[in-house]
Amino acid sequence: MQQLQVVEHSDMRVLTTAQLAESYGTQSKIITRNFQRNEKQYVPGIHYIALTGEDLKRFKGERPNDASLKYVSNLYLWTEQGAWMHAKSLKSDSAWEAYSKLINGYYLVSAMMRDSAVDVSKTPTITHEQIYQIESRLEAVEQQLRDSLTLHSGEQRRLRIAVGERVHQLVSNKGARPALFRSLYSSIRERYNVDSYRDVKQHELQDALIFISRWGQ
C-alpha cells in the first residue's frame, strides 16, 4: 500500500473514496456501487461524512493543490468504521489485509496523535486477534443501530400506500374510509408500541406491510 495523503475532518482521520479504492486495490466506482447497494446499513457521521455546499467549499479551500477535488460537487469521507464496512462488502482476503494495514498505519496513528502522552514509536501494532475483536464489537454496534433505525421517508410512503390500498379494499363507501384509516393507523401504533407510524423500525417494515394486508380479516 502506498503512503496515503493524510485527510482529516473534525479532528478525525478519514479517507476519500479514491483513497479507499486505491488501498483496497479496486476502483472508486466499485466502492460507490457497494455503498449505494447497501446504503441503509451506513450511518452518516459514523461510517461516513458527506460534504456538499459550503462544507465542501471549505474542505476544498483547505486543499487548494488537490486536483482531484476540482470538479467534485459532493464528497464522501470514510471513517474507520466505514472502511470496515467496505472491506466487508468486498469480501476478499486482499481487502481484509488492506483494512488491517489501514488500522495499523493510518487510522490508529490518528487516535494515538490525539493522546500526546502516547509514544507512537513504542506502541505495538494491532494483532489479527485484536482486529477480530474490533470487528466483533463493530458488528454488535451495527446490529444495534439497525435495530433502532426508524422508517425513512421512502419506507413511510410504502406504509401509507399499503394502508390506503387496504382501506380501499375493505370499503367502497368513501364516507366510511376516514374512520377506517384512523382505526388502521391506531392498530399499527398499538402493535408496534409507537406514537406514530413513522416511528416503526426499519426491520419491522415487512412485518408491518403483512399486518396491514391482513388487517380487518
Protein backbone atom coordinates (compact mmCIF):
# COMPACT_ATOMS: atom_id res chain seq x y z
CA MET A 1 0.00 0.00 0.00
CA GLN A 2 1.40 3.38 -0.98
CA GLN A 3 1.76 6.14 1.59
CA LEU A 4 -1.62 7.81 1.87
CA GLN A 5 -2.03 11.55 1.99
CA VAL A 6 -3.49 12.36 5.38
CA VAL A 7 -7.07 13.64 5.27
CA GLU A 8 -8.72 14.85 8.45
CA HIS A 9 -12.16 16.26 9.16
CA SER A 10 -13.44 17.40 12.56
CA ASP A 11 -10.22 16.13 14.19
CA MET A 12 -10.83 12.67 12.77
CA ARG A 13 -8.71 10.89 10.19
CA VAL A 14 -10.73 9.83 7.16
CA LEU A 15 -10.23 8.62 3.58
CA THR A 16 -11.75 9.79 0.33
CA THR A 17 -13.44 7.27 -1.92
CA ALA A 18 -10.46 7.38 -4.28
CA GLN A 19 -8.03 6.69 -1.42
CA LEU A 20 -10.14 3.84 -0.10
CA ALA A 21 -10.38 2.29 -3.55
CA GLU A 22 -6.61 2.58 -4.02
CA SER A 23 -5.98 0.97 -0.62
CA TYR A 24 -8.27 -1.95 -1.43
CA GLY A 25 -6.91 -2.42 -4.94
CA THR A 26 -10.23 -1.67 -6.60
CA GLN A 27 -11.95 1.21 -8.41
CA SER A 28 -13.84 4.16 -6.98
CA LYS A 29 -16.95 3.14 -8.88
CA ILE A 30 -16.91 -0.23 -7.09
CA ILE A 31 -16.73 1.49 -3.70
CA THR A 32 -19.57 3.82 -4.72
CA ARG A 33 -21.68 0.99 -6.10
CA ASN A 34 -21.29 -1.10 -2.93
CA PHE A 35 -22.30 1.90 -0.87
CA GLN A 36 -25.38 2.59 -3.00
CA ARG A 37 -26.48 -1.05 -2.79
CA ASN A 38 -26.14 -1.15 0.99
CA GLU A 39 -26.77 2.49 1.87
CA LYS A 40 -29.30 1.65 4.57
CA GLN A 41 -26.56 -0.06 6.57
CA TYR A 42 -24.31 3.00 6.56
CA VAL A 43 -24.93 5.65 9.20
CA PRO A 44 -23.93 9.28 8.50
CA GLY A 45 -21.39 10.55 10.99
CA ILE A 46 -20.37 7.03 11.97
CA HIS A 47 -19.42 5.37 8.70
CA TYR A 48 -19.03 8.41 6.51
CA ILE A 49 -19.23 12.18 6.28
CA ALA A 50 -20.93 13.61 3.20
CA LEU A 51 -19.69 17.06 2.22
CA THR A 52 -21.71 19.39 -0.01
CA GLY A 53 -22.27 23.11 -0.37
CA GLU A 54 -20.34 25.35 2.00
CA ASP A 55 -18.83 22.42 3.90
CA LEU A 56 -17.33 21.08 0.69
CA LYS A 57 -16.19 24.54 -0.33
CA ARG A 58 -14.30 24.97 2.96
CA PHE A 59 -12.80 21.49 2.61
CA LYS A 60 -11.55 22.32 -0.89
CA GLY A 61 -10.20 25.64 0.34
CA GLU A 62 -8.00 23.82 2.83
CA ARG A 63 -6.57 21.73 -0.04
CA PRO A 64 -6.02 24.13 -2.94
CA ASN A 65 -3.46 21.87 -4.60
CA ASP A 66 -5.63 18.75 -4.68
CA ALA A 67 -6.64 18.50 -8.34
CA SER A 68 -8.95 15.53 -7.65
CA LEU A 69 -11.34 17.84 -5.79
CA LYS A 70 -11.65 20.48 -8.50
CA TYR A 71 -14.88 19.28 -10.13
CA VAL A 72 -16.37 17.37 -7.19
CA SER A 73 -19.88 18.55 -6.23
CA ASN A 74 -20.28 16.12 -3.33
CA LEU A 75 -17.64 14.21 -1.42
CA TYR A 76 -17.77 11.18 0.84
CA LEU A 77 -15.16 10.82 3.57
CA TRP A 78 -14.90 7.35 5.10
CA THR A 79 -14.19 6.74 8.77
CA GLU A 80 -12.51 3.66 10.23
CA GLN A 81 -15.95 2.06 10.65
CA GLY A 82 -16.81 2.93 7.06
CA ALA A 83 -13.60 1.34 5.82
CA TRP A 84 -14.53 -1.81 7.74
CA MET A 85 -17.97 -1.85 6.09
CA HIS A 86 -16.40 -1.62 2.63
CA ALA A 87 -13.91 -4.39 3.40
CA LYS A 88 -16.89 -6.48 4.47
CA SER A 89 -18.69 -5.69 1.17
CA LEU A 90 -15.68 -6.56 -0.99
CA LYS A 91 -15.35 -9.98 0.69
CA SER A 92 -11.78 -10.66 -0.34
CA ASP A 93 -8.62 -11.59 1.57
CA SER A 94 -6.76 -8.69 -0.04
CA ALA A 95 -9.41 -6.23 1.18
CA TRP A 96 -9.14 -7.52 4.76
CA GLU A 97 -5.36 -7.38 4.56
CA ALA A 98 -5.58 -3.79 3.31
CA TYR A 99 -8.03 -2.95 6.11
CA SER A 100 -5.58 -4.38 8.66
CA LYS A 101 -2.86 -2.12 7.26
CA LEU A 102 -5.16 0.89 7.37
CA ILE A 103 -5.90 0.25 11.03
CA ASN A 104 -2.24 -0.11 11.94
CA GLY A 105 -0.79 2.54 9.68
CA TYR A 106 -3.44 5.19 9.17
CA TYR A 107 -6.46 5.32 11.48
CA LEU A 108 -4.56 4.11 14.55
CA VAL A 109 -1.95 6.82 14.12
CA SER A 110 -4.68 9.45 14.26
CA ALA A 111 -6.03 8.06 17.53
CA MET A 112 -2.56 7.98 19.08
CA MET A 113 -1.72 11.51 17.96
CA ARG A 114 -4.75 12.80 19.84
CA ASP A 115 -3.18 11.47 23.03
CA SER A 116 0.13 13.31 23.36
CA ALA A 117 1.14 11.07 26.27
CA VAL A 118 1.45 8.10 23.91
CA ASP A 119 4.85 7.40 22.38
CA VAL A 120 3.88 6.27 18.87
CA SER A 121 7.24 4.66 18.23
CA LYS A 122 6.76 2.36 21.23
CA THR A 123 3.16 1.43 20.58
CA PRO A 124 2.76 -2.13 19.23
CA THR A 125 0.70 -2.74 16.11
CA ILE A 126 -2.70 -4.33 16.40
CA THR A 127 -2.72 -8.10 16.07
CA HIS A 128 -5.16 -10.08 13.93
CA GLU A 129 -6.87 -11.26 17.12
CA GLN A 130 -7.41 -7.65 18.21
CA ILE A 131 -8.75 -6.78 14.77
CA TYR A 132 -11.18 -9.70 15.07
CA GLN A 133 -12.32 -8.38 18.45
CA ILE A 134 -12.79 -4.89 16.97
CA GLU A 135 -14.80 -6.36 14.11
CA SER A 136 -17.00 -8.29 16.54
CA ARG A 137 -17.69 -5.16 18.57
CA LEU A 138 -18.43 -3.19 15.41
CA GLU A 139 -20.84 -5.87 14.22
CA ALA A 140 -22.67 -5.64 17.55
CA VAL A 141 -22.88 -1.86 17.23
CA GLU A 142 -24.06 -2.18 13.62
CA GLN A 143 -26.84 -4.52 14.72
CA GLN A 144 -27.92 -2.16 17.49
CA LEU A 145 -28.02 0.73 15.04
CA ARG A 146 -30.04 -1.25 12.50
CA ASP A 147 -32.50 -2.31 15.22
CA SER A 148 -33.03 1.29 16.33
CA LEU A 149 -33.47 2.95 12.92
CA THR A 150 -37.00 4.12 12.14
CA LEU A 151 -38.58 4.27 8.70
CA HIS A 152 -37.03 6.72 6.26
CA SER A 153 -39.26 8.82 4.00
CA GLY A 154 -39.46 6.24 1.21
CA GLU A 155 -40.42 3.46 3.64
CA GLN A 156 -43.01 5.71 5.29
CA ARG A 157 -44.55 6.25 1.85
CA ARG A 158 -44.66 2.47 1.24
CA LEU A 159 -46.53 2.02 4.51
CA ARG A 160 -49.01 4.82 3.72
CA ILE A 161 -49.68 3.34 0.28
CA ALA A 162 -50.30 -0.08 1.85
CA VAL A 163 -52.72 1.48 4.33
CA GLY A 164 -54.56 3.27 1.53
CA GLU A 165 -54.82 0.13 -0.56
CA ARG A 166 -56.13 -1.89 2.37
CA VAL A 167 -58.78 0.68 3.28
CA HIS A 168 -59.97 0.82 -0.33
CA GLN A 169 -60.15 -2.97 -0.40
CA LEU A 170 -62.30 -3.07 2.72
CA VAL A 171 -64.84 -0.36 1.93
CA SER A 172 -66.17 1.20 -1.24
CA ASN A 173 -68.09 3.92 0.58
CA LYS A 174 -65.85 7.00 0.60
CA GLY A 175 -67.64 8.40 3.62
CA ALA A 176 -66.67 5.40 5.72
CA ARG A 177 -62.98 5.49 4.81
CA PRO A 178 -61.72 8.23 7.20
CA ALA A 179 -62.81 6.24 10.26
CA LEU A 180 -61.20 3.12 8.84
CA PHE A 181 -57.94 4.99 8.19
CA ARG A 182 -57.89 6.15 11.81
CA SER A 183 -58.61 2.67 13.06
CA LEU A 184 -55.89 1.05 10.98
CA TYR A 185 -53.26 3.62 11.97
CA SER A 186 -54.30 3.15 15.60
CA SER A 187 -53.80 -0.61 15.21
CA ILE A 188 -50.31 -0.02 13.78
CA ARG A 189 -49.36 2.25 16.69
CA GLU A 190 -50.64 -0.29 19.19
CA ARG A 191 -48.96 -3.28 17.53
CA TYR A 192 -45.52 -1.64 17.35
CA ASN A 193 -45.89 0.44 20.53
CA VAL A 194 -45.14 3.74 18.79
CA ASP A 195 -46.66 7.23 18.84
CA SER A 196 -46.75 7.44 15.05
CA TYR A 197 -46.46 5.03 12.13
CA ARG A 198 -43.29 6.97 11.28
CA ASP A 199 -41.64 5.51 14.39
CA VAL A 200 -41.98 1.91 13.20
CA LYS A 201 -38.50 0.39 12.99
CA GLN A 202 -36.97 -0.33 9.59
CA HIS A 203 -36.50 -4.01 10.44
CA GLU A 204 -40.25 -4.20 11.21
CA LEU A 205 -41.39 -2.81 7.87
CA GLN A 206 -42.06 -6.14 6.15
CA ASP A 207 -43.97 -7.38 9.16
CA ALA A 208 -45.99 -4.14 9.17
CA LEU A 209 -46.83 -4.49 5.47
CA ILE A 210 -48.07 -8.05 6.05
CA PHE A 211 -50.05 -6.92 9.10
CA ILE A 212 -51.70 -4.16 7.04
CA SER A 213 -52.55 -6.52 4.16
CA ARG A 214 -54.34 -8.87 6.60
CA TRP A 215 -55.94 -6.24 8.81
CA GLY A 216 -59.70 -6.48 9.12
CA GLN A 217 -59.91 -10.12 8.15
